[in-house]
Amino acid sequence: MANTSSRTLQLLSLLQTHRYWPGGELAHRLGVSVRTLRRDVDRLRELGYPVQAHRGVDGGYQLSPGAVLPPLVVDDEEAVALAVGLQAAAQGAVAGIAEASIRAFAKVVQVMPARLRHRVDALRAVTVPAVWGGGGPTVEAAVLTTVAQTCRDTERLRFGYTARGGERTDRYVEPHRLVSLGRRWYLVGYDLDRQDWRSFRLDRLADPRGTGARFRPRALPAEDAAAFVRAGIENIPGPYQVEVLVHAPAARVRTEFDRWGTVEEVDPDRCRLRMSTDNLDWPVMMLGALGAEFEVVSPPALASQIREWAERFHRATAVEHPAPGDTTGQDPTAPD
């Protein structure tokens, strides 16, 4: 049975490697007869893998798309690449999939051998993430995976936490969800010592460890975890409270800003954007990329920042460069 199981996994790996395998060649690679190969293929089909057979002299097998995604078999190099790619997506390299990426990353790391984890850590240590605006505060991958796993397993969690004012406390929490919002990661959970729901910034969280104690999930007093975090952020006065009148439909602006602020419709062609930020470069960059006219309501510092950017861009385009082959103004005695 063990030999059959390992051979079935090997067959699956081969089918995932090439689009099409001739039956004779596939049987030879596995060291079995064509009849045994047919039985192994039937076993994969029973497990939900859509293996398509082509009959005839040149007949063979291929793995075709199915109704659901079955488990995949990856080699060492593919596993490392998958983990590194998921970490990059979790840190915001690809908008909209950060939370799904960290859930997938937690699953991969859980079954990854220590030798491969070391390779992932080494590759991450020498890789600079390419995130617009410098990204948010960095969060260790070990912190993300530990917290994600306790959320998934409904396991109580202990960690140290540094509040906004610098006070450090020990927390005992029933973790609910991880939320990626405004270039930061947050944990939403029920604080057992304070008997209330809280959100915690992961970059302020230290030494998270699961306790092994399971719990029955509680009802979150909000529409969802992201709404809970957003409501908490709005109650904290940030360095800049941005308000902008955007000359574009609210639905369009929400697709770009919904994770970082609130959008209210003024009329079918205009909307009001509000957001809290500690860095004015971020709203300037996002508003510029939106490609719509807008008016700054507040703060005055945002208007100044936009003028500074505009002047810098104007200077960049005002520099005259000589046309190719134009030697006007060059010193004929200067070396080439």
Protein backbone atom coordinates (compact mmCIF):
# COMPACT_ATOMS: atom_id res chain seq x y z
CA MET A 1 0.00 0.00 0.00
CA ALA A 2 2.82 2.39 0.86
CA ASN A 3 4.47 1.70 -2.51
CA THR A 4 1.17 2.29 -4.30
CA SER A 5 0.59 5.58 -2.46
CA SER A 6 4.06 6.91 -3.21
CA ARG A 7 3.71 5.86 -6.85
CA THR A 8 0.37 7.68 -7.07
CA LEU A 9 2.00 10.86 -5.77
CA GLN A 10 4.82 10.45 -8.29
CA LEU A 11 2.26 10.01 -11.08
CA LEU A 12 0.47 13.17 -9.99
CA SER A 13 3.73 15.11 -9.94
CA LEU A 14 4.58 13.95 -13.47
CA LEU A 15 1.13 14.88 -14.79
CA GLN A 16 1.48 18.35 -13.26
CA THR A 17 4.93 18.79 -14.82
CA HIS A 18 4.03 18.16 -18.49
CA ARG A 19 0.89 18.95 -20.43
CA TYR A 20 0.73 15.51 -22.09
CA TRP A 21 2.41 12.15 -21.45
CA PRO A 22 2.34 9.21 -23.89
CA GLY A 23 1.08 6.15 -21.98
CA GLY A 24 4.14 4.00 -22.66
CA GLU A 25 6.61 6.69 -21.62
CA LEU A 26 4.66 7.45 -18.44
CA ALA A 27 4.53 3.77 -17.47
CA HIS A 28 8.29 3.50 -18.09
CA ARG A 29 9.01 6.51 -15.87
CA LEU A 30 7.01 4.90 -13.07
CA GLY A 31 8.48 1.43 -13.62
CA VAL A 32 5.06 -0.22 -13.99
CA SER A 33 3.02 -1.90 -16.69
CA VAL A 34 0.49 -0.01 -18.81
CA ARG A 35 -2.28 -1.93 -17.00
CA THR A 36 -0.99 -0.81 -13.59
CA LEU A 37 -0.73 2.74 -14.90
CA ARG A 38 -4.43 2.65 -15.83
CA ARG A 39 -5.31 1.58 -12.28
CA ASP A 40 -3.20 4.39 -10.83
CA VAL A 41 -4.93 6.90 -13.11
CA ASP A 42 -8.32 5.61 -11.95
CA ARG A 43 -7.19 6.08 -8.35
CA LEU A 44 -6.32 9.73 -9.06
CA ARG A 45 -9.74 10.26 -10.63
CA GLU A 46 -11.40 8.86 -7.51
CA LEU A 47 -9.46 11.47 -5.51
CA GLY A 48 -10.89 14.25 -7.67
CA TYR A 49 -8.08 14.81 -10.18
CA PRO A 50 -9.43 15.28 -13.74
CA VAL A 51 -7.10 12.99 -15.72
CA GLN A 52 -8.02 12.83 -19.39
CA ALA A 53 -7.08 9.73 -21.42
CA HIS A 54 -6.37 9.68 -25.16
CA ARG A 55 -6.79 6.25 -26.75
CA GLY A 56 -5.03 4.80 -29.76
CA VAL A 57 -1.48 3.87 -30.71
CA ASP A 58 -0.14 7.22 -29.59
CA GLY A 59 -2.55 7.45 -26.66
CA GLY A 60 -1.61 8.98 -23.36
CA TYR A 61 -2.75 11.04 -20.39
CA GLN A 62 -2.99 14.67 -19.37
CA LEU A 63 -4.29 16.61 -16.40
CA SER A 64 -7.16 18.85 -17.49
CA PRO A 65 -8.94 21.69 -15.65
CA GLY A 66 -11.66 20.49 -13.28
CA ALA A 67 -14.61 21.90 -11.39
CA VAL A 68 -12.55 22.41 -8.22
CA LEU A 69 -8.86 22.86 -7.46
CA PRO A 70 -7.41 19.59 -6.10
CA PRO A 71 -4.23 19.45 -3.98
CA LEU A 72 -1.03 20.16 -5.89
CA VAL A 73 2.34 18.43 -5.64
CA VAL A 74 5.38 20.71 -5.84
CA ASP A 75 9.11 20.05 -5.64
CA ASP A 76 11.58 21.84 -3.35
CA GLU A 77 12.39 24.68 -5.76
CA GLU A 78 8.71 25.28 -6.50
CA ALA A 79 7.84 25.29 -2.79
CA VAL A 80 10.47 27.95 -2.05
CA ALA A 81 9.31 30.07 -5.00
CA LEU A 82 5.70 29.71 -3.89
CA ALA A 83 6.46 30.78 -0.31
CA VAL A 84 8.53 33.80 -1.36
CA GLY A 85 5.88 34.89 -3.86
CA LEU A 86 3.12 34.61 -1.26
CA GLN A 87 5.17 36.66 1.21
CA ALA A 88 5.60 39.41 -1.39
CA ALA A 89 1.86 39.43 -2.10
CA ALA A 90 1.09 39.46 1.63
CA GLN A 91 3.22 42.59 2.08
CA GLY A 92 1.11 44.45 -0.45
CA ALA A 93 3.03 43.84 -3.69
CA VAL A 94 -0.27 42.91 -5.37
CA ALA A 95 -3.34 44.90 -4.35
CA GLY A 96 -6.40 43.07 -3.12
CA ILE A 97 -4.95 39.66 -2.36
CA ALA A 98 -2.84 40.30 0.76
CA GLU A 99 -5.16 38.49 3.20
CA ALA A 100 -5.64 35.46 0.95
CA SER A 101 -1.87 35.34 0.39
CA ILE A 102 -1.04 35.14 4.08
CA ARG A 103 -3.62 32.37 4.61
CA ALA A 104 -2.04 30.38 1.79
CA PHE A 105 1.45 31.15 3.10
CA ALA A 106 0.52 29.82 6.55
CA LYS A 107 -0.60 26.53 4.98
CA VAL A 108 2.62 26.18 2.98
CA VAL A 109 4.94 26.98 5.91
CA GLN A 110 3.14 24.57 8.22
CA VAL A 111 4.17 21.54 6.12
CA MET A 112 7.50 22.88 4.85
CA PRO A 113 10.67 21.08 6.05
CA ALA A 114 13.10 23.13 8.15
CA ARG A 115 15.74 23.09 5.41
CA LEU A 116 13.35 24.77 3.00
CA ARG A 117 12.23 27.31 5.62
CA HIS A 118 15.86 28.36 6.01
CA ARG A 119 16.09 28.92 2.25
CA VAL A 120 12.91 31.01 2.26
CA ASP A 121 14.20 33.13 5.18
CA ALA A 122 17.57 33.63 3.50
CA LEU A 123 15.97 34.69 0.22
CA ARG A 124 13.61 37.08 2.00
CA ALA A 125 16.51 38.64 3.94
CA VAL A 126 18.29 39.71 0.75
CA THR A 127 15.18 40.78 -1.17
CA VAL A 128 13.91 44.36 -1.17
CA PRO A 129 10.12 44.55 -1.60
CA ALA A 130 8.96 46.84 -4.40
CA VAL A 131 5.97 48.64 -2.86
CA TRP A 132 4.78 52.12 -3.86
CA GLY A 133 5.27 54.82 -1.29
CA GLY A 134 7.71 52.73 0.73
CA GLY A 135 4.92 50.52 2.07
CA GLY A 136 3.89 50.34 5.70
CA PRO A 137 5.89 49.21 8.72
CA THR A 138 7.49 45.82 8.12
CA VAL A 139 6.10 42.73 9.83
CA GLU A 140 8.17 39.61 10.37
CA ALA A 141 6.95 36.62 8.37
CA ALA A 142 7.05 34.47 11.53
CA VAL A 143 4.65 36.88 13.25
CA LEU A 144 2.25 36.83 10.30
CA THR A 145 2.22 33.05 10.02
CA THR A 146 1.86 32.44 13.77
CA VAL A 147 -1.09 34.80 14.06
CA ALA A 148 -2.68 33.52 10.85
CA GLN A 149 -2.48 29.93 12.07
CA THR A 150 -4.11 30.74 15.41
CA CYS A 151 -6.91 32.59 13.58
CA ARG A 152 -7.45 29.57 11.35
CA ASP A 153 -7.35 27.07 14.22
CA THR A 154 -9.42 29.19 16.69
CA GLU A 155 -6.53 28.92 19.16
CA ARG A 156 -5.99 31.45 21.94
CA LEU A 157 -2.93 33.62 21.50
CA ARG A 158 -0.47 35.39 23.83
CA PHE A 159 1.82 38.24 22.77
CA GLY A 160 3.48 41.42 23.92
CA TYR A 161 2.03 44.67 22.57
CA THR A 162 3.39 48.22 22.45
CA ALA A 163 0.62 50.82 22.44
CA ARG A 164 0.69 54.09 20.51
CA GLY A 165 2.00 55.91 23.58
CA GLY A 166 4.88 53.45 24.05
CA GLU A 167 3.40 51.42 26.93
CA ARG A 168 4.08 47.68 26.65
CA THR A 169 1.57 45.13 27.92
CA ASP A 170 1.03 41.38 27.72
CA ARG A 171 -2.14 40.36 25.89
CA TYR A 172 -4.22 37.18 25.97
CA VAL A 173 -6.54 37.14 22.95
CA GLU A 174 -9.01 35.02 21.02
CA PRO A 175 -7.86 35.87 17.46
CA HIS A 176 -10.60 36.45 14.91
CA ARG A 177 -9.17 37.73 11.60
CA LEU A 178 -6.11 39.34 10.04
CA VAL A 179 -6.82 42.53 8.09
CA SER A 180 -4.58 44.31 5.58
CA LEU A 181 -5.62 47.97 5.59
CA GLY A 182 -3.87 51.19 4.69
CA ARG A 183 -0.45 49.52 4.08
CA ARG A 184 -0.58 47.92 7.55
CA TRP A 185 -1.56 44.56 9.03
CA TYR A 186 -4.03 44.36 11.92
CA LEU A 187 -5.24 41.53 14.13
CA VAL A 188 -8.87 41.68 15.22
CA GLY A 189 -9.54 39.64 18.37
CA TYR A 190 -11.35 39.43 21.67
CA ASP A 191 -9.09 40.58 24.52
CA LEU A 192 -9.79 38.18 27.40
CA ASP A 193 -8.24 40.40 30.09
CA ARG A 194 -10.21 43.49 29.02
CA GLN A 195 -13.34 41.54 28.10
CA ASP A 196 -13.78 43.45 24.85
CA TRP A 197 -12.95 43.40 21.15
CA ARG A 198 -9.70 45.05 20.08
CA SER A 199 -7.61 45.56 16.94
CA PHE A 200 -3.80 45.31 17.14
CA ARG A 201 -1.19 46.55 14.67
CA LEU A 202 1.08 43.63 13.88
CA ASP A 203 4.20 45.78 13.63
CA ARG A 204 3.70 46.58 17.35
CA LEU A 205 3.16 42.95 18.31
CA ALA A 206 6.02 40.87 19.76
CA ASP A 207 6.64 37.19 20.46
CA PRO A 208 3.23 35.78 19.47
CA ARG A 209 2.67 32.19 20.64
CA GLY A 210 -0.29 29.89 20.44
CA THR A 211 -1.43 28.42 23.76
CA GLY A 212 -3.04 25.24 22.42
CA ALA A 213 -6.36 26.27 24.04
CA ARG A 214 -9.25 26.27 21.56
CA PHE A 215 -12.29 28.54 21.86
CA ARG A 216 -15.79 28.95 20.48
CA PRO A 217 -15.84 31.93 18.06
CA ARG A 218 -17.76 35.01 19.26
CA ALA A 219 -19.94 37.31 17.17
CA LEU A 220 -17.97 40.34 15.98
CA PRO A 221 -19.80 43.64 16.72
CA ALA A 222 -19.26 44.94 13.18
CA GLU A 223 -20.14 44.14 9.59
CA ASP A 224 -16.76 42.47 9.13
CA ALA A 225 -13.20 42.61 10.49
CA ALA A 226 -12.10 45.31 8.02
CA ALA A 227 -15.03 47.55 9.03
CA PHE A 228 -14.10 47.05 12.70
CA VAL A 229 -10.50 48.12 12.08
CA ARG A 230 -11.54 51.07 9.93
CA ALA A 231 -13.93 52.35 12.62
CA GLY A 232 -11.16 52.17 15.20
CA ILE A 233 -8.72 54.08 12.99
CA GLU A 234 -11.25 56.84 12.35
CA ASN A 235 -11.55 57.40 16.11
CA ILE A 236 -7.80 57.95 16.44
CA PRO A 237 -6.76 61.44 15.34
CA GLY A 238 -3.90 61.02 12.87
CA PRO A 239 -1.30 63.61 11.90
CA TYR A 240 -3.32 64.53 8.77
CA GLN A 241 -7.07 64.31 8.18
CA VAL A 242 -7.42 64.52 4.40
CA GLU A 243 -10.59 65.68 2.66
CA VAL A 244 -10.73 65.99 -1.14
CA LEU A 245 -13.55 66.66 -3.60
CA VAL A 246 -12.96 64.34 -6.55
CA HIS A 247 -14.56 64.97 -9.95
CA ALA A 248 -15.29 61.31 -10.65
CA PRO A 249 -18.12 58.87 -9.81
CA ALA A 250 -18.00 57.47 -6.28
CA ALA A 251 -17.98 53.86 -7.53
CA ARG A 252 -14.80 54.48 -9.51
CA VAL A 253 -13.00 56.18 -6.61
CA ARG A 254 -14.02 53.44 -4.18
CA THR A 255 -12.22 50.83 -6.27
CA GLU A 256 -8.96 52.70 -5.64
CA PHE A 257 -9.43 54.14 -2.14
CA ASP A 258 -11.89 51.92 -0.30
CA ARG A 259 -9.14 50.27 1.76
CA TRP A 260 -7.61 53.60 2.81
CA GLY A 261 -10.53 55.94 3.38
CA THR A 262 -14.23 56.66 2.99
CA VAL A 263 -15.92 57.84 -0.20
CA GLU A 264 -19.27 59.71 -0.15
CA GLU A 265 -21.22 60.50 -3.29
CA VAL A 266 -21.92 64.22 -3.84
CA ASP A 267 -23.64 63.82 -7.22
CA PRO A 268 -23.33 61.29 -10.08
CA ASP A 269 -20.06 62.88 -11.26
CA ARG A 270 -18.41 63.90 -7.96
CA CYS A 271 -17.61 62.42 -4.57
CA ARG A 272 -15.94 63.37 -1.30
CA LEU A 273 -12.89 61.41 -0.18
CA ARG A 274 -11.75 61.38 3.47
CA MET A 275 -8.74 59.55 4.85
CA SER A 276 -6.31 59.68 7.78
CA THR A 277 -2.61 59.42 6.99
CA ASP A 278 0.76 60.04 8.57
CA ASN A 279 2.42 60.71 5.21
CA LEU A 280 1.00 63.14 2.62
CA ASP A 281 3.04 61.60 -0.20
CA TRP A 282 0.65 58.64 -0.18
CA PRO A 283 -2.60 60.56 -1.00
CA VAL A 284 -0.72 62.73 -3.52
CA MET A 285 0.51 59.64 -5.35
CA MET A 286 -2.89 57.91 -5.25
CA LEU A 287 -4.78 61.02 -6.42
CA GLY A 288 -2.31 61.52 -9.26
CA ALA A 289 -2.70 57.90 -10.36
CA LEU A 290 -6.51 58.21 -10.28
CA GLY A 291 -6.49 60.37 -13.41
CA ALA A 292 -9.35 62.65 -12.38
CA GLU A 293 -9.68 66.33 -11.45
CA PHE A 294 -9.94 67.07 -7.73
CA GLU A 295 -10.03 69.92 -5.22
CA VAL A 296 -8.23 69.88 -1.86
CA VAL A 297 -10.53 70.79 1.01
CA SER A 298 -8.07 70.06 3.83
CA PRO A 299 -5.43 70.15 5.16
CA PRO A 300 -3.53 73.11 3.64
CA ALA A 301 -0.35 71.02 3.90
CA LEU A 302 -1.74 68.66 1.25
CA ALA A 303 -2.17 71.53 -1.20
CA SER A 304 1.43 72.60 -0.50
CA GLN A 305 2.65 69.05 -1.04
CA ILE A 306 0.86 68.83 -4.39
CA ARG A 307 2.36 72.17 -5.52
CA GLU A 308 5.83 70.93 -4.53
CA TRP A 309 5.36 67.74 -6.56
CA ALA A 310 3.99 69.74 -9.52
CA GLU A 311 6.97 72.10 -9.51
CA ARG A 312 9.39 69.17 -9.33
CA PHE A 313 7.70 67.47 -12.29
CA HIS A 314 7.66 70.75 -14.23
CA ARG A 315 11.41 71.21 -13.68
CA ALA A 316 11.98 67.66 -14.91
CA THR A 317 10.20 68.40 -18.20
CA ALA A 318 11.67 71.89 -18.63
CA VAL A 319 15.26 70.62 -19.01
CA GLU A 320 16.32 70.86 -22.66
CA HIS A 321 18.34 67.98 -24.06
CA PRO A 322 20.31 68.27 -27.33
CA ALA A 323 18.97 66.25 -30.22
CA PRO A 324 21.03 63.24 -31.34
CA GLY A 325 23.97 64.42 -33.46
CA ASP A 326 23.62 68.07 -32.36
CA THR A 327 27.11 69.37 -31.44
CA THR A 328 26.07 73.00 -30.86
CA GLY A 329 27.84 74.49 -27.90
CA GLN A 330 30.35 71.66 -27.52
CA ASP A 331 34.05 72.41 -27.07
CA PRO A 332 35.82 70.93 -30.13
CA THR A 333 38.98 70.40 -28.05
CA ALA A 334 37.14 68.37 -25.39
CA PRO A 335 37.84 64.63 -25.40
CA ASP A 336 35.13 62.36 -26.81
